[in-house]
Amino acid sequence: MLLQETVLTLLKEAMLKQKASKGFLIDGYPRELDQGKRFEADVAVVECVLYFEVTIIEYLTEKKFRDV
């Protein structure tokens, strides 16, 4: 498991390299509220959040057909 500091540093460095980008989609992060607060304090303010609630069956079915 990566330390929160390491994850934040990696995200910040990757985002800074993409100066021409109009935004970023970060999949699966943050997983905890404190991670989100630290991200906004140390990296960037979040303008939009997408949340998808999917059952494990839906996830596995979609993954199975996507990988074929």
N, C-alpha and C. Protein backbone atom coordinates (compact mmCIF):
# COMPACT_ATOMS: atom_id res chain seq x y z
N MET A 1 0.84 -1.18 0.00
CA MET A 1 0.00 0.00 0.00
C MET A 1 0.89 1.25 0.00
N LEU A 2 0.58 2.17 -0.90
CA LEU A 2 1.36 3.40 -0.97
C LEU A 2 0.94 4.38 0.12
N LEU A 3 1.89 5.10 0.63
CA LEU A 3 1.58 6.14 1.61
C LEU A 3 0.87 7.29 0.93
N GLN A 4 0.00 7.96 1.68
CA GLN A 4 -0.75 9.08 1.13
C GLN A 4 0.17 10.15 0.56
N GLU A 5 1.27 10.42 1.23
CA GLU A 5 2.22 11.43 0.75
C GLU A 5 2.79 11.04 -0.62
N THR A 6 3.09 9.76 -0.79
CA THR A 6 3.64 9.28 -2.06
C THR A 6 2.62 9.43 -3.18
N VAL A 7 1.38 9.06 -2.93
CA VAL A 7 0.33 9.17 -3.93
C VAL A 7 0.13 10.63 -4.33
N LEU A 8 0.06 11.51 -3.35
CA LEU A 8 -0.12 12.94 -3.64
C LEU A 8 1.04 13.50 -4.45
N THR A 9 2.24 13.12 -4.10
CA THR A 9 3.42 13.58 -4.83
C THR A 9 3.39 13.10 -6.28
N LEU A 10 3.08 11.83 -6.49
CA LEU A 10 3.01 11.28 -7.84
C LEU A 10 1.94 11.97 -8.67
N LEU A 11 0.76 12.19 -8.09
CA LEU A 11 -0.31 12.88 -8.80
C LEU A 11 0.08 14.30 -9.17
N LYS A 12 0.64 15.01 -8.21
CA LYS A 12 1.02 16.41 -8.44
C LYS A 12 2.09 16.51 -9.53
N GLU A 13 3.09 15.65 -9.47
CA GLU A 13 4.16 15.68 -10.48
C GLU A 13 3.61 15.37 -11.87
N ALA A 14 2.73 14.37 -11.96
CA ALA A 14 2.15 14.01 -13.26
C ALA A 14 1.28 15.13 -13.80
N MET A 15 0.53 15.79 -12.95
CA MET A 15 -0.34 16.88 -13.39
C MET A 15 0.47 18.10 -13.82
N LEU A 16 1.54 18.38 -13.11
CA LEU A 16 2.37 19.53 -13.46
C LEU A 16 3.07 19.35 -14.81
N LYS A 17 3.34 18.12 -15.19
CA LYS A 17 3.99 17.84 -16.48
C LYS A 17 3.06 18.13 -17.65
N GLN A 18 1.76 18.12 -17.41
CA GLN A 18 0.77 18.31 -18.46
C GLN A 18 0.22 19.73 -18.44
N LYS A 19 1.06 20.70 -18.69
CA LYS A 19 0.69 22.11 -18.58
C LYS A 19 -0.44 22.52 -19.52
N ALA A 20 -0.55 21.87 -20.68
CA ALA A 20 -1.57 22.24 -21.66
C ALA A 20 -2.93 21.59 -21.39
N SER A 21 -2.99 20.72 -20.40
CA SER A 21 -4.23 20.00 -20.11
C SER A 21 -5.31 20.94 -19.58
N LYS A 22 -6.55 20.66 -19.97
CA LYS A 22 -7.69 21.44 -19.48
C LYS A 22 -8.31 20.79 -18.25
N GLY A 23 -7.82 19.63 -17.87
CA GLY A 23 -8.35 18.94 -16.70
C GLY A 23 -7.84 17.51 -16.63
N PHE A 24 -8.24 16.83 -15.59
CA PHE A 24 -7.78 15.46 -15.35
C PHE A 24 -8.92 14.61 -14.85
N LEU A 25 -8.90 13.34 -15.20
CA LEU A 25 -9.82 12.35 -14.67
C LEU A 25 -8.98 11.37 -13.87
N ILE A 26 -9.18 11.34 -12.58
CA ILE A 26 -8.40 10.47 -11.71
C ILE A 26 -9.33 9.37 -11.21
N ASP A 27 -9.14 8.17 -11.72
CA ASP A 27 -10.01 7.04 -11.43
C ASP A 27 -9.63 6.38 -10.10
N GLY A 28 -10.60 6.25 -9.22
CA GLY A 28 -10.41 5.52 -7.97
C GLY A 28 -9.73 6.30 -6.86
N TYR A 29 -9.60 7.60 -7.01
CA TYR A 29 -8.96 8.40 -5.97
C TYR A 29 -9.72 9.71 -5.85
N PRO A 30 -9.98 10.17 -4.70
CA PRO A 30 -9.66 9.60 -3.39
C PRO A 30 -10.68 8.54 -2.97
N ARG A 31 -10.27 7.71 -2.07
CA ARG A 31 -11.17 6.70 -1.52
C ARG A 31 -11.68 7.10 -0.14
N GLU A 32 -11.02 8.04 0.48
CA GLU A 32 -11.40 8.52 1.81
C GLU A 32 -11.52 10.03 1.78
N LEU A 33 -12.37 10.59 2.63
CA LEU A 33 -12.59 12.03 2.67
C LEU A 33 -11.30 12.79 2.97
N ASP A 34 -10.49 12.28 3.91
CA ASP A 34 -9.25 12.98 4.25
C ASP A 34 -8.28 13.03 3.07
N GLN A 35 -8.31 12.01 2.20
CA GLN A 35 -7.47 12.03 1.01
C GLN A 35 -7.91 13.16 0.07
N GLY A 36 -9.21 13.33 -0.08
CA GLY A 36 -9.73 14.40 -0.92
C GLY A 36 -9.37 15.77 -0.39
N LYS A 37 -9.46 15.94 0.91
CA LYS A 37 -9.11 17.22 1.54
C LYS A 37 -7.63 17.53 1.34
N ARG A 38 -6.79 16.52 1.52
CA ARG A 38 -5.34 16.71 1.32
C ARG A 38 -5.02 17.02 -0.13
N PHE A 39 -5.72 16.34 -1.05
CA PHE A 39 -5.51 16.59 -2.47
C PHE A 39 -5.81 18.05 -2.79
N GLU A 40 -6.93 18.55 -2.31
CA GLU A 40 -7.30 19.94 -2.59
C GLU A 40 -6.34 20.92 -1.92
N ALA A 41 -5.85 20.59 -0.77
CA ALA A 41 -4.92 21.47 -0.06
C ALA A 41 -3.52 21.47 -0.69
N ASP A 42 -3.08 20.30 -1.18
CA ASP A 42 -1.69 20.17 -1.64
C ASP A 42 -1.51 20.15 -3.15
N VAL A 43 -2.56 19.78 -3.91
CA VAL A 43 -2.40 19.59 -5.35
C VAL A 43 -3.24 20.56 -6.15
N ALA A 44 -4.55 20.43 -6.07
CA ALA A 44 -5.43 21.28 -6.88
C ALA A 44 -6.85 21.24 -6.32
N VAL A 45 -7.60 22.28 -6.59
CA VAL A 45 -9.01 22.32 -6.20
C VAL A 45 -9.80 21.47 -7.18
N VAL A 46 -10.71 20.67 -6.67
CA VAL A 46 -11.54 19.80 -7.49
C VAL A 46 -12.76 20.57 -7.96
N GLU A 47 -12.99 20.54 -9.27
CA GLU A 47 -14.12 21.27 -9.85
C GLU A 47 -15.33 20.38 -10.09
N CYS A 48 -15.12 19.09 -10.25
CA CYS A 48 -16.23 18.18 -10.57
C CYS A 48 -15.89 16.79 -10.05
N VAL A 49 -16.91 16.09 -9.59
CA VAL A 49 -16.75 14.71 -9.12
C VAL A 49 -17.79 13.85 -9.82
N LEU A 50 -17.35 12.73 -10.35
CA LEU A 50 -18.26 11.74 -10.93
C LEU A 50 -18.30 10.55 -10.00
N TYR A 51 -19.49 10.08 -9.69
CA TYR A 51 -19.64 8.93 -8.80
C TYR A 51 -20.58 7.94 -9.46
N PHE A 52 -20.10 6.73 -9.65
CA PHE A 52 -20.91 5.67 -10.22
C PHE A 52 -21.06 4.57 -9.18
N GLU A 53 -22.27 4.21 -8.88
CA GLU A 53 -22.51 3.11 -7.96
C GLU A 53 -22.87 1.88 -8.79
N VAL A 54 -22.02 0.87 -8.74
CA VAL A 54 -22.19 -0.32 -9.55
C VAL A 54 -22.07 -1.54 -8.65
N THR A 55 -22.97 -2.49 -8.85
CA THR A 55 -22.87 -3.73 -8.07
C THR A 55 -21.69 -4.54 -8.58
N ILE A 56 -21.23 -5.45 -7.79
CA ILE A 56 -20.09 -6.28 -8.19
C ILE A 56 -20.46 -7.12 -9.42
N ILE A 57 -21.71 -7.56 -9.51
CA ILE A 57 -22.15 -8.35 -10.66
C ILE A 57 -22.09 -7.50 -11.93
N GLU A 58 -22.58 -6.25 -11.86
CA GLU A 58 -22.52 -5.36 -13.02
C GLU A 58 -21.07 -5.10 -13.41
N TYR A 59 -20.22 -4.88 -12.43
CA TYR A 59 -18.80 -4.62 -12.70
C TYR A 59 -18.14 -5.81 -13.39
N LEU A 60 -18.34 -6.99 -12.83
CA LEU A 60 -17.71 -8.18 -13.39
C LEU A 60 -18.27 -8.50 -14.78
N THR A 61 -19.55 -8.31 -14.98
CA THR A 61 -20.16 -8.56 -16.30
C THR A 61 -19.58 -7.61 -17.33
N GLU A 62 -19.51 -6.32 -17.00
CA GLU A 62 -18.96 -5.33 -17.92
C GLU A 62 -17.49 -5.64 -18.22
N LYS A 63 -16.73 -5.98 -17.18
CA LYS A 63 -15.31 -6.28 -17.36
C LYS A 63 -15.14 -7.49 -18.27
N LYS A 64 -15.96 -8.51 -18.07
CA LYS A 64 -15.86 -9.72 -18.88
C LYS A 64 -16.06 -9.39 -20.35
N PHE A 65 -17.07 -8.62 -20.68
CA PHE A 65 -17.35 -8.30 -22.08
C PHE A 65 -16.35 -7.29 -22.65
N ARG A 66 -15.80 -6.44 -21.83
CA ARG A 66 -14.84 -5.46 -22.30
C ARG A 66 -13.52 -6.13 -22.66
N ASP A 67 -13.14 -7.16 -21.92
CA ASP A 67 -11.85 -7.82 -22.13
C ASP A 67 -11.88 -8.83 -23.29
N VAL A 68 -13.05 -9.08 -23.84
CA VAL A 68 -13.16 -10.08 -24.94
C VAL A 68 -12.67 -9.50 -26.23
